């Protein structure tokens, strides 16, 4: 779709987003709202928790990721840190079943 911010011919994308909120459900709702305002149609949004929650779960969190998490918190913002576009003729990468 034109105006969706995706490269020409892309059928969708995976986004890595950092967002703040009073709690995780609010951060997810805010993320969905921002994506919809950008003419995107999010299919699945997953929250992974706060920095403390992720550290308790044993996640390896880089300094860059910590900085983005803190920036989203400081600015009360939604930050798109990475976009991986998908194309119709693209084959799945890695192990696993194709649907």
C-alpha atoms as a PDB file:
ATOM      1  CA  UNK A   1       0.000   0.000   0.000  1.00  0.00           C
ATOM      2  CA  UNK A   2       1.329   3.432  -0.872  1.00  0.00           C
ATOM      3  CA  UNK A   3       2.099   5.685   2.070  1.00  0.00           C
ATOM      4  CA  UNK A   4       2.622   2.829   4.507  1.00  0.00           C
ATOM      5  CA  UNK A   5       6.361   3.434   4.872  1.00  0.00           C
ATOM      6  CA  UNK A   6       7.289   0.054   3.409  1.00  0.00           C
ATOM      7  CA  UNK A   7       9.587  -0.486   0.424  1.00  0.00           C
ATOM      8  CA  UNK A   8       7.867  -0.881  -2.960  1.00  0.00           C
ATOM      9  CA  UNK A   9       6.512  -4.408  -3.341  1.00  0.00           C
ATOM     10  CA  UNK A  10       6.619  -5.245   0.368  1.00  0.00           C
ATOM     11  CA  UNK A  11       3.574  -7.146   1.636  1.00  0.00           C
ATOM     12  CA  UNK A  12       4.259  -6.480   5.316  1.00  0.00           C
ATOM     13  CA  UNK A  13       7.022  -6.128   7.874  1.00  0.00           C
ATOM     14  CA  UNK A  14       8.245  -7.156  11.281  1.00  0.00           C
ATOM     15  CA  UNK A  15       8.982  -4.194  13.532  1.00  0.00           C
ATOM     16  CA  UNK A  16      11.085  -3.928  16.674  1.00  0.00           C
ATOM     17  CA  UNK A  17       9.475  -1.222  18.766  1.00  0.00           C
ATOM     18  CA  UNK A  18      10.196   0.271  22.175  1.00  0.00           C
ATOM     19  CA  UNK A  19       7.263   1.906  23.937  1.00  0.00           C
ATOM     20  CA  UNK A  20       6.442   3.267  27.359  1.00  0.00           C
ATOM     21  CA  UNK A  21       3.236   3.045  29.296  1.00  0.00           C
ATOM     22  CA  UNK A  22       1.758   2.838  32.775  1.00  0.00           C
ATOM     23  CA  UNK A  23       1.793  -0.927  32.243  1.00  0.00           C
ATOM     24  CA  UNK A  24       2.486  -3.409  29.446  1.00  0.00           C
ATOM     25  CA  UNK A  25      -1.101  -3.514  28.087  1.00  0.00           C
ATOM     26  CA  UNK A  26      -1.131   0.291  27.776  1.00  0.00           C
ATOM     27  CA  UNK A  27       2.219   0.280  25.961  1.00  0.00           C
ATOM     28  CA  UNK A  28       0.846  -2.305  23.517  1.00  0.00           C
ATOM     29  CA  UNK A  29      -2.370  -0.275  22.971  1.00  0.00           C
ATOM     30  CA  UNK A  30      -0.343   2.891  22.337  1.00  0.00           C
ATOM     31  CA  UNK A  31       1.887   1.032  19.881  1.00  0.00           C
ATOM     32  CA  UNK A  32      -1.118  -0.295  17.953  1.00  0.00           C
ATOM     33  CA  UNK A  33      -2.676   3.188  17.868  1.00  0.00           C
ATOM     34  CA  UNK A  34       0.528   4.746  16.493  1.00  0.00           C
ATOM     35  CA  UNK A  35       0.901   2.049  13.837  1.00  0.00           C
ATOM     36  CA  UNK A  36      -2.711   2.515  12.723  1.00  0.00           C
ATOM     37  CA  UNK A  37      -2.178   6.288  12.467  1.00  0.00           C
ATOM     38  CA  UNK A  38       0.748   5.475  10.158  1.00  0.00           C
ATOM     39  CA  UNK A  39      -1.645   3.543   7.858  1.00  0.00           C
ATOM     40  CA  UNK A  40      -0.299   0.195   9.012  1.00  0.00           C
ATOM     41  CA  UNK A  41      -2.469  -2.740  10.039  1.00  0.00           C
ATOM     42  CA  UNK A  42      -0.736  -4.538  12.909  1.00  0.00           C
ATOM     43  CA  UNK A  43      -1.585  -8.237  13.050  1.00  0.00           C
ATOM     44  CA  UNK A  44       0.294  -9.183  16.199  1.00  0.00           C
ATOM     45  CA  UNK A  45       1.885  -7.022  18.867  1.00  0.00           C
ATOM     46  CA  UNK A  46       3.766  -8.750  21.673  1.00  0.00           C
ATOM     47  CA  UNK A  47       5.063  -7.057  24.810  1.00  0.00           C
ATOM     48  CA  UNK A  48       8.201  -8.444  26.420  1.00  0.00           C
ATOM     49  CA  UNK A  49       8.121  -6.500  29.680  1.00  0.00           C
ATOM     50  CA  UNK A  50      10.168  -3.898  31.469  1.00  0.00           C
ATOM     51  CA  UNK A  51      13.945  -3.878  31.701  1.00  0.00           C
ATOM     52  CA  UNK A  52      13.753  -5.384  35.199  1.00  0.00           C
ATOM     53  CA  UNK A  53      11.296  -8.084  34.090  1.00  0.00           C
ATOM     54  CA  UNK A  54      13.454  -9.037  31.123  1.00  0.00           C
ATOM     55  CA  UNK A  55      16.599  -9.172  33.256  1.00  0.00           C
ATOM     56  CA  UNK A  56      14.788 -11.448  35.746  1.00  0.00           C
ATOM     57  CA  UNK A  57      13.943 -13.729  32.806  1.00  0.00           C
ATOM     58  CA  UNK A  58      17.629 -13.908  31.866  1.00  0.00           C
ATOM     59  CA  UNK A  59      17.445 -11.887  28.643  1.00  0.00           C
ATOM     60  CA  UNK A  60      20.740 -10.562  27.282  1.00  0.00           C
ATOM     61  CA  UNK A  61      20.090  -6.834  26.833  1.00  0.00           C
ATOM     62  CA  UNK A  62      22.663  -4.713  24.999  1.00  0.00           C
ATOM     63  CA  UNK A  63      23.555  -1.169  25.985  1.00  0.00           C
ATOM     64  CA  UNK A  64      21.897   0.080  22.770  1.00  0.00           C
ATOM     65  CA  UNK A  65      18.666  -1.700  23.666  1.00  0.00           C
ATOM     66  CA  UNK A  66      18.806  -0.341  27.214  1.00  0.00           C
ATOM     67  CA  UNK A  67      19.261   3.169  25.788  1.00  0.00           C
ATOM     68  CA  UNK A  68      16.217   2.760  23.520  1.00  0.00           C
ATOM     69  CA  UNK A  69      14.108   1.466  26.410  1.00  0.00           C
ATOM     70  CA  UNK A  70      15.149   4.414  28.559  1.00  0.00           C
ATOM     71  CA  UNK A  71      14.542   6.902  25.739  1.00  0.00           C
ATOM     72  CA  UNK A  72      11.004   5.577  25.206  1.00  0.00           C
ATOM     73  CA  UNK A  73      10.386   5.924  28.933  1.00  0.00           C
ATOM     74  CA  UNK A  74      11.915   9.416  29.193  1.00  0.00           C
ATOM     75  CA  UNK A  75      10.022  10.705  26.147  1.00  0.00           C
ATOM     76  CA  UNK A  76       6.818   8.738  26.811  1.00  0.00           C
ATOM     77  CA  UNK A  77       7.118   7.624  23.215  1.00  0.00           C
ATOM     78  CA  UNK A  78       6.875   4.750  20.750  1.00  0.00           C
ATOM     79  CA  UNK A  79      10.187   4.185  18.942  1.00  0.00           C
ATOM     80  CA  UNK A  80      10.469   2.025  15.816  1.00  0.00           C
ATOM     81  CA  UNK A  81      14.024   0.745  16.109  1.00  0.00           C
ATOM     82  CA  UNK A  82      14.064  -1.810  13.286  1.00  0.00           C
ATOM     83  CA  UNK A  83      11.928  -2.785  10.300  1.00  0.00           C
ATOM     84  CA  UNK A  84      12.299  -6.023   8.333  1.00  0.00           C
ATOM     85  CA  UNK A  85      10.069  -5.925   5.231  1.00  0.00           C
ATOM     86  CA  UNK A  86       8.440  -9.056   3.790  1.00  0.00           C
ATOM     87  CA  UNK A  87       7.929  -9.681   0.090  1.00  0.00           C
ATOM     88  CA  UNK A  88       5.448 -12.083  -1.486  1.00  0.00           C
ATOM     89  CA  UNK A  89       8.128 -14.118  -3.278  1.00  0.00           C
ATOM     90  CA  UNK A  90      10.411 -14.247  -0.210  1.00  0.00           C
ATOM     91  CA  UNK A  91      11.045 -17.732   1.145  1.00  0.00           C
ATOM     92  CA  UNK A  92      11.082 -18.312   4.940  1.00  0.00           C
ATOM     93  CA  UNK A  93      14.520 -18.126   6.504  1.00  0.00           C
ATOM     94  CA  UNK A  94      15.765 -20.584   9.120  1.00  0.00           C
ATOM     95  CA  UNK A  95      14.335 -23.800  10.472  1.00  0.00           C
ATOM     96  CA  UNK A  96      10.670 -24.371  11.017  1.00  0.00           C
ATOM     97  CA  UNK A  97       7.543 -25.133   9.118  1.00  0.00           C
ATOM     98  CA  UNK A  98       6.140 -22.906   6.439  1.00  0.00           C
ATOM     99  CA  UNK A  99       2.409 -22.268   6.652  1.00  0.00           C
END
